[in-house]
């Protein structure tokens, strides 16, 4: 009897996308004819989701709007969280100024993509918000000097369920997202898709496949090696799942690409590279780099910023050695490509 396909999981929207939509609605209320009931924004890859405004308020020279985050079928701790944005005119020439409201964290340790002392609003959400500010300013004939305060109802309590406290993000959640989209997390479904990708590649006679931790590393590796789309395995965080399947269903060569943080975890033996299920062991990393200060660091990026190529080359070699260990003698060669946040290659095995 033919088995039914599992239902497709519903995607959702990141906190960054919700904050951007809330800013857009608040600006409409501040400069236009009141807050709209819905707003549409453009995400980094061109998608145009529509958001329902949950709440709005305004006063003398300020306006606020709120969005309820929908994480789709992803078991995200922020699903259902209320993301608020308040906008108010800033001093001329100040540009877009970000403030951490109630429930949004502040960065207190180095090594993150946001400087110490700044609200934990990541770079892509900042770019998206600045984009809607400039768009609204042009529409309404206003100057784009705006103070944007992002807050999350009960964000401090929600943050205790994340890695934020360990990362030195104090007071609440981070506003995150690189694509604006939350893709549903399902270990079984994702690993099954990895298996299917390898099966298809082998069936097409491909001898070289690549698995990458994210969209940036995938683009870099595909461009570097000139691989077809069919050779690109949607590995994500499941390096172990991909390698164990390749041990039973080998190809001649697999390239693994990713950032320094995730590949450091692979180098240290992690099979699942997700931030919620594995962490860098900084004591071990300190021993590898012969630098006791690394034991007290906050992120692998911070260690890389100090040690540069010494660390990235070491991680590439150790990640490859761990990959061979997982492959258990299968006839598969391994190539490791390490990239930085901007997509530049910082190490590659021979």
Protein backbone atom coordinates (compact mmCIF):
# COMPACT_ATOMS: atom_id res chain seq x y z
CA UNK A 1 0.00 0.00 0.00
CA UNK A 2 1.41 3.38 -0.98
CA UNK A 3 2.27 5.60 1.98
CA UNK A 4 0.87 9.08 2.16
CA UNK A 5 3.37 11.93 2.05
CA UNK A 6 3.76 13.79 5.35
CA UNK A 7 1.90 17.11 5.45
CA UNK A 8 3.92 20.13 4.44
CA UNK A 9 4.98 22.15 7.46
CA UNK A 10 3.79 25.76 7.59
CA UNK A 11 6.51 28.42 7.61
CA UNK A 12 6.41 31.51 9.81
CA UNK A 13 8.03 34.92 10.24
CA UNK A 14 11.08 35.95 12.24
CA UNK A 15 11.06 38.52 15.03
CA UNK A 16 12.96 40.78 12.63
CA UNK A 17 10.21 40.59 10.02
CA UNK A 18 7.53 41.24 12.65
CA UNK A 19 9.44 44.23 14.04
CA UNK A 20 9.84 45.65 10.52
CA UNK A 21 6.10 45.33 9.85
CA UNK A 22 5.32 46.99 13.19
CA UNK A 23 7.66 49.89 12.35
CA UNK A 24 5.97 50.35 8.99
CA UNK A 25 2.52 50.48 10.60
CA UNK A 26 3.72 52.88 13.29
CA UNK A 27 5.19 55.22 10.66
CA UNK A 28 1.90 55.19 8.75
CA UNK A 29 0.19 56.23 11.99
CA UNK A 30 2.78 58.92 12.75
CA UNK A 31 2.92 60.50 9.29
CA UNK A 32 -0.24 59.31 7.56
CA UNK A 33 -3.93 59.06 8.42
CA UNK A 34 -3.67 56.60 11.28
CA UNK A 35 -2.44 53.04 11.68
CA UNK A 36 -3.56 50.57 8.99
CA UNK A 37 -5.20 47.26 9.86
CA UNK A 38 -2.61 45.33 7.82
CA UNK A 39 0.79 46.04 6.30
CA UNK A 40 2.94 44.34 3.67
CA UNK A 41 6.73 44.37 3.72
CA UNK A 42 9.39 43.10 1.33
CA UNK A 43 11.82 40.53 2.73
CA UNK A 44 15.49 40.26 1.68
CA UNK A 45 14.72 37.59 -0.93
CA UNK A 46 11.74 39.41 -2.39
CA UNK A 47 8.85 37.73 -0.55
CA UNK A 48 6.03 40.12 0.41
CA UNK A 49 4.20 38.80 3.49
CA UNK A 50 1.13 40.52 4.89
CA UNK A 51 0.83 41.20 8.63
CA UNK A 52 -2.26 41.89 10.73
CA UNK A 53 -1.83 44.76 13.19
CA UNK A 54 -2.62 43.45 16.67
CA UNK A 55 -2.54 46.73 18.56
CA UNK A 56 -1.72 50.40 18.01
CA UNK A 57 -1.40 53.57 20.04
CA UNK A 58 -0.20 57.12 19.47
CA UNK A 59 0.53 60.30 21.35
CA UNK A 60 2.24 63.63 21.00
CA UNK A 61 4.90 63.02 18.29
CA UNK A 62 4.99 59.25 18.65
CA UNK A 63 3.14 56.20 17.38
CA UNK A 64 3.29 52.50 18.19
CA UNK A 65 2.09 49.33 16.51
CA UNK A 66 2.27 45.66 17.48
CA UNK A 67 2.39 42.36 15.61
CA UNK A 68 1.80 38.86 17.01
CA UNK A 69 4.62 36.61 15.85
CA UNK A 70 3.53 33.55 13.91
CA UNK A 71 6.36 31.00 13.75
CA UNK A 72 4.33 28.62 11.62
CA UNK A 73 4.88 24.98 12.58
CA UNK A 74 8.27 25.68 14.11
CA UNK A 75 8.49 24.99 17.88
CA UNK A 76 9.88 28.47 18.49
CA UNK A 77 9.73 29.91 22.02
CA UNK A 78 8.76 33.26 20.52
CA UNK A 79 5.70 31.92 18.70
CA UNK A 80 2.77 34.09 19.75
CA UNK A 81 5.00 36.80 21.20
CA UNK A 82 3.81 40.38 20.78
CA UNK A 83 6.44 42.47 19.00
CA UNK A 84 5.98 46.23 19.44
CA UNK A 85 7.59 49.14 17.63
CA UNK A 86 7.40 52.76 18.74
CA UNK A 87 8.62 55.52 16.44
CA UNK A 88 9.33 59.14 17.27
CA UNK A 89 11.19 61.96 15.52
CA UNK A 90 14.93 62.13 16.26
CA UNK A 91 17.40 64.98 15.99
CA UNK A 92 18.16 66.06 12.42
CA UNK A 93 21.08 64.10 11.02
CA UNK A 94 20.76 61.31 13.56
CA UNK A 95 19.29 58.86 11.06
CA UNK A 96 17.56 55.74 12.35
CA UNK A 97 18.38 55.25 16.02
CA UNK A 98 17.57 51.91 17.68
CA UNK A 99 16.51 51.55 21.32
CA UNK A 100 15.89 48.34 23.27
CA UNK A 101 12.45 48.56 24.82
CA UNK A 102 11.01 46.29 27.49
CA UNK A 103 11.75 42.65 26.68
CA UNK A 104 14.50 43.28 24.12
CA UNK A 105 18.03 42.49 25.23
CA UNK A 106 21.20 44.56 25.24
CA UNK A 107 24.57 43.15 24.15
CA UNK A 108 27.05 43.03 27.04
CA UNK A 109 29.80 40.75 25.70
CA UNK A 110 31.98 40.98 22.57
CA UNK A 111 31.93 38.45 19.77
CA UNK A 112 28.38 39.04 18.51
CA UNK A 113 27.51 40.85 15.26
CA UNK A 114 26.21 43.83 17.30
CA UNK A 115 28.64 45.93 19.42
CA UNK A 116 28.57 45.89 23.22
CA UNK A 117 26.02 48.31 24.62
CA UNK A 118 23.72 48.16 21.59
CA UNK A 119 20.18 46.73 21.48
CA UNK A 120 20.20 43.07 20.42
CA UNK A 121 18.66 43.83 17.04
CA UNK A 122 20.66 41.92 14.47
CA UNK A 123 22.10 43.44 11.26
CA UNK A 124 19.51 42.21 8.75
CA UNK A 125 16.48 43.34 10.82
CA UNK A 126 18.21 46.73 11.22
CA UNK A 127 18.61 46.95 7.45
CA UNK A 128 14.99 45.98 6.88
CA UNK A 129 13.74 48.56 9.39
CA UNK A 130 15.93 51.28 7.92
CA UNK A 131 14.51 50.39 4.53
CA UNK A 132 10.89 50.91 5.60
CA UNK A 133 11.84 54.15 7.39
CA UNK A 134 13.39 55.59 4.22
CA UNK A 135 10.49 54.32 2.11
CA UNK A 136 7.91 55.93 4.43
CA UNK A 137 9.93 59.15 4.68
CA UNK A 138 9.93 59.44 0.89
CA UNK A 139 6.21 58.65 0.69
CA UNK A 140 5.19 61.23 3.28
CA UNK A 141 7.83 63.87 2.53
CA UNK A 142 9.47 63.53 5.93
CA UNK A 143 13.06 63.31 7.11
CA UNK A 144 14.35 59.82 7.89
CA UNK A 145 15.59 60.80 11.37
CA UNK A 146 13.64 58.45 13.59
CA UNK A 147 14.10 56.79 16.97
CA UNK A 148 12.84 53.20 16.77
CA UNK A 149 12.12 51.41 20.04
CA UNK A 150 11.47 47.69 19.74
CA UNK A 151 9.93 45.80 22.65
CA UNK A 152 8.53 42.32 23.24
CA UNK A 153 5.80 41.59 25.77
CA UNK A 154 7.23 39.19 28.40
CA UNK A 155 10.47 39.11 26.40
CA UNK A 156 12.70 38.88 29.47
CA UNK A 157 10.95 35.70 30.61
CA UNK A 158 11.04 34.21 27.13
CA UNK A 159 14.76 34.97 26.85
CA UNK A 160 15.46 32.69 29.81
CA UNK A 161 14.45 29.81 27.54
CA UNK A 162 17.09 30.77 24.97
CA UNK A 163 20.89 30.97 24.92
CA UNK A 164 20.77 34.76 25.37
CA UNK A 165 21.81 34.78 29.04
CA UNK A 166 24.87 32.66 28.26
CA UNK A 167 25.75 34.88 25.31
CA UNK A 168 25.66 37.97 27.49
CA UNK A 169 22.46 39.42 26.02
CA UNK A 170 20.77 40.92 29.06
CA UNK A 171 17.21 42.01 29.61
CA UNK A 172 15.33 40.15 26.92
CA UNK A 173 15.21 38.57 23.50
CA UNK A 174 17.20 39.24 20.35
CA UNK A 175 15.46 40.51 17.22
CA UNK A 176 16.68 37.99 14.68
CA UNK A 177 16.41 36.80 11.11
CA UNK A 178 18.44 36.80 7.91
CA UNK A 179 15.66 35.98 5.45
CA UNK A 180 12.62 37.06 7.49
CA UNK A 181 11.21 33.54 7.22
CA UNK A 182 11.07 30.83 9.90
CA UNK A 183 11.38 27.49 8.19
CA UNK A 184 9.70 24.77 10.24
CA UNK A 185 12.10 22.65 12.22
CA UNK A 186 11.53 18.93 12.10
CA UNK A 187 14.50 16.63 12.68
CA UNK A 188 12.89 13.63 11.03
CA UNK A 189 11.59 15.56 8.03
CA UNK A 190 14.83 17.47 7.50
CA UNK A 191 17.06 14.40 7.77
CA UNK A 192 14.72 12.56 5.41
CA UNK A 193 15.16 15.37 2.89
CA UNK A 194 18.95 15.04 3.25
CA UNK A 195 18.68 11.34 2.49
CA UNK A 196 16.52 12.03 -0.53
CA UNK A 197 18.96 14.64 -1.80
CA UNK A 198 21.83 12.16 -1.62
CA UNK A 199 19.74 9.47 -3.27
CA UNK A 200 18.90 11.76 -6.18
CA UNK A 201 22.51 12.90 -6.58
CA UNK A 202 23.72 9.30 -6.71
CA UNK A 203 20.98 8.38 -9.14
CA UNK A 204 22.11 11.18 -11.43
CA UNK A 205 25.66 9.85 -11.31
CA UNK A 206 27.06 12.81 -9.37
CA UNK A 207 30.36 12.07 -7.65
CA UNK A 208 30.69 15.32 -5.68
CA UNK A 209 28.05 16.74 -3.32
CA UNK A 210 28.14 19.59 -0.82
CA UNK A 211 26.31 20.15 2.45
CA UNK A 212 26.28 23.61 4.01
CA UNK A 213 25.01 25.08 7.25
CA UNK A 214 23.13 28.00 5.70
CA UNK A 215 22.25 30.01 2.63
CA UNK A 216 25.44 32.09 2.59
CA UNK A 217 27.82 29.15 2.86
CA UNK A 218 25.79 27.27 0.24
CA UNK A 219 26.12 30.14 -2.21
CA UNK A 220 29.85 30.47 -1.57
CA UNK A 221 30.54 26.75 -1.94
CA UNK A 222 28.40 26.37 -5.06
CA UNK A 223 30.08 29.35 -6.72
CA UNK A 224 33.53 28.15 -5.66
CA UNK A 225 33.12 24.62 -6.97
CA UNK A 226 30.68 25.16 -9.83
CA UNK A 227 28.35 22.47 -8.53
CA UNK A 228 24.87 21.95 -9.92
CA UNK A 229 21.79 22.52 -7.78
CA UNK A 230 21.33 18.76 -7.59
CA UNK A 231 24.70 18.41 -5.90
CA UNK A 232 23.76 20.81 -3.11
CA UNK A 233 22.44 18.85 -0.12
CA UNK A 234 20.24 20.85 2.28
CA UNK A 235 22.33 19.84 5.31
CA UNK A 236 21.55 22.73 7.65
CA UNK A 237 22.64 21.82 11.16
CA UNK A 238 22.50 18.07 10.55
CA UNK A 239 26.12 17.37 9.60
CA UNK A 240 26.01 14.03 11.39
CA UNK A 241 22.83 12.96 9.62
CA UNK A 242 24.33 13.71 6.23
CA UNK A 243 27.66 12.03 6.93
CA UNK A 244 26.12 8.90 8.45
CA UNK A 245 23.93 8.46 5.38
CA UNK A 246 26.93 8.99 3.11
CA UNK A 247 28.75 6.27 5.05
CA UNK A 248 26.09 3.83 3.82
CA UNK A 249 25.52 5.50 0.45
CA UNK A 250 28.89 6.95 -0.57
CA UNK A 251 29.91 9.43 -3.23
CA UNK A 252 33.52 10.17 -4.12
CA UNK A 253 33.72 13.62 -2.48
CA UNK A 254 31.65 15.69 -0.07
CA UNK A 255 32.35 19.34 0.69
CA UNK A 256 31.07 20.75 3.98
CA UNK A 257 30.74 24.51 4.21
CA UNK A 258 29.84 26.75 7.11
CA UNK A 259 30.79 29.52 9.47
CA UNK A 260 33.50 29.31 12.09
CA UNK A 261 31.06 28.76 14.95
CA UNK A 262 29.18 25.77 13.57
CA UNK A 263 32.29 24.14 12.13
CA UNK A 264 34.04 24.53 15.48
CA UNK A 265 31.23 22.48 16.98
CA UNK A 266 31.66 19.84 14.28
CA UNK A 267 35.41 19.83 14.93
CA UNK A 268 34.66 19.14 18.60
CA UNK A 269 32.42 16.19 17.80
CA UNK A 270 28.92 17.66 17.55
CA UNK A 271 26.69 15.94 15.00
CA UNK A 272 23.85 18.46 15.35
CA UNK A 273 25.14 22.02 15.00
CA UNK A 274 21.97 23.85 16.10
CA UNK A 275 22.59 26.48 18.78
CA UNK A 276 19.89 24.98 20.97
CA UNK A 277 21.41 21.49 20.94
CA UNK A 278 25.18 21.95 20.92
CA UNK A 279 27.66 24.54 22.11
CA UNK A 280 31.35 25.29 21.57
CA UNK A 281 33.56 23.97 24.37
CA UNK A 282 35.77 27.00 24.97
CA UNK A 283 38.08 25.16 27.37
CA UNK A 284 38.92 22.66 24.65
CA UNK A 285 39.27 25.47 22.12
CA UNK A 286 41.66 27.25 24.49
CA UNK A 287 43.81 24.12 24.64
CA UNK A 288 43.83 23.81 20.85
CA UNK A 289 44.91 27.44 20.43
CA UNK A 290 47.24 27.37 23.45
CA UNK A 291 45.58 30.50 24.79
CA UNK A 292 43.97 30.43 28.25
CA UNK A 293 42.00 33.61 27.49
CA UNK A 294 39.89 31.73 24.96
CA UNK A 295 38.34 29.69 27.78
CA UNK A 296 36.50 32.81 28.95
CA UNK A 297 35.37 33.97 25.51
CA UNK A 298 31.76 34.21 24.47
CA UNK A 299 31.73 33.03 20.84
CA UNK A 300 33.95 31.21 18.37
CA UNK A 301 33.92 34.39 16.28
CA UNK A 302 35.59 36.24 19.14
CA UNK A 303 38.35 33.62 19.25
CA UNK A 304 38.74 33.82 15.48
CA UNK A 305 39.03 37.61 15.61
CA UNK A 306 42.04 37.14 17.90
CA UNK A 307 43.71 34.16 16.22
CA UNK A 308 42.65 34.52 12.60
CA UNK A 309 43.99 31.98 10.13
CA UNK A 310 45.63 29.92 12.87
CA UNK A 311 42.20 29.10 14.24
CA UNK A 312 40.25 28.81 10.97
CA UNK A 313 42.84 26.43 9.46
CA UNK A 314 42.90 24.37 12.64
CA UNK A 315 39.11 24.12 12.72
CA UNK A 316 38.98 23.11 9.05
CA UNK A 317 41.45 20.27 9.66
CA UNK A 318 39.76 19.06 12.85
CA UNK A 319 36.31 19.26 11.27
CA UNK A 320 37.52 17.10 8.40
CA UNK A 321 39.04 14.59 10.83
CA UNK A 322 35.73 14.40 12.71
CA UNK A 323 33.85 13.94 9.43
CA UNK A 324 36.09 10.98 8.57
CA UNK A 325 35.39 9.54 12.02
CA UNK A 326 31.64 9.74 11.39
CA UNK A 327 32.08 8.18 7.93
CA UNK A 328 33.72 5.14 9.56
CA UNK A 329 36.02 4.24 6.70
CA UNK A 330 33.51 4.74 3.87
CA UNK A 331 35.16 5.59 0.51
CA UNK A 332 34.28 9.29 0.70
CA UNK A 333 36.80 12.13 0.54
CA UNK A 334 36.01 15.21 2.62
CA UNK A 335 36.66 18.88 1.86
CA UNK A 336 35.92 21.64 4.40
CA UNK A 337 35.26 25.30 3.51
CA UNK A 338 35.07 27.83 6.36
CA UNK A 339 33.55 31.25 5.70
CA UNK A 340 33.14 34.45 7.68
CA UNK A 341 29.92 36.41 8.21
CA UNK A 342 30.39 38.28 4.94
CA UNK A 343 30.83 35.09 2.95
CA UNK A 344 34.59 35.31 2.48
CA UNK A 345 36.49 32.01 2.62
CA UNK A 346 38.79 32.02 5.65
CA UNK A 347 40.00 28.42 5.48
CA UNK A 348 39.82 25.37 3.26
CA UNK A 349 41.32 21.93 3.53
CA UNK A 350 43.54 20.69 0.73
